[in-house]
């Protein structure tokens, strides 16, 4: 059940990650916030 909670809510970022990999682009993500962030969706990048 826990693995279902860690799945991305939106497939858009997954598609971006595939395109980044195709062009060998590196993405650094820095997350600092006091509100909710969907880390599971961002993790595919």
Protein backbone atom coordinates (compact mmCIF):
# COMPACT_ATOMS: atom_id res chain seq x y z
CA UNK A 1 0.00 0.00 0.00
CA UNK A 2 2.81 2.45 0.79
CA UNK A 3 4.29 2.14 -2.70
CA UNK A 4 1.00 3.42 -4.13
CA UNK A 5 1.34 6.61 -2.09
CA UNK A 6 4.77 7.28 -3.56
CA UNK A 7 3.55 7.25 -7.17
CA UNK A 8 3.43 10.58 -9.04
CA UNK A 9 0.02 12.24 -9.18
CA UNK A 10 0.72 13.67 -12.65
CA UNK A 11 2.47 12.06 -15.62
CA UNK A 12 3.67 15.40 -17.05
CA UNK A 13 6.88 15.40 -15.03
CA UNK A 14 7.59 11.80 -16.08
CA UNK A 15 7.34 12.86 -19.73
CA UNK A 16 9.68 15.79 -19.04
CA UNK A 17 12.17 13.42 -17.38
CA UNK A 18 12.17 11.17 -20.43
CA UNK A 19 12.79 14.15 -22.70
CA UNK A 20 15.60 15.43 -20.44
CA UNK A 21 17.24 12.00 -20.58
CA UNK A 22 16.94 11.92 -24.37
CA UNK A 23 18.93 15.16 -24.64
CA UNK A 24 21.17 14.27 -21.66
CA UNK A 25 20.03 17.28 -19.62
CA UNK A 26 20.75 17.36 -15.88
CA UNK A 27 18.21 18.91 -13.51
CA UNK A 28 19.00 19.97 -9.94
CA UNK A 29 15.96 20.37 -7.71
CA UNK A 30 16.13 22.39 -4.50
CA UNK A 31 12.93 22.33 -2.47
CA UNK A 32 12.51 24.70 0.45
CA UNK A 33 8.96 25.52 1.41
CA UNK A 34 6.64 25.82 4.35
CA UNK A 35 3.67 24.41 2.45
CA UNK A 36 2.80 21.11 0.76
CA UNK A 37 4.94 19.89 -2.15
CA UNK A 38 4.19 16.71 -4.09
CA UNK A 39 7.68 15.21 -3.81
CA UNK A 40 6.55 11.90 -5.34
CA UNK A 41 5.71 13.70 -8.59
CA UNK A 42 8.95 15.69 -8.60
CA UNK A 43 11.07 12.61 -7.86
CA UNK A 44 10.88 11.30 -11.43
CA UNK A 45 12.97 14.23 -12.62
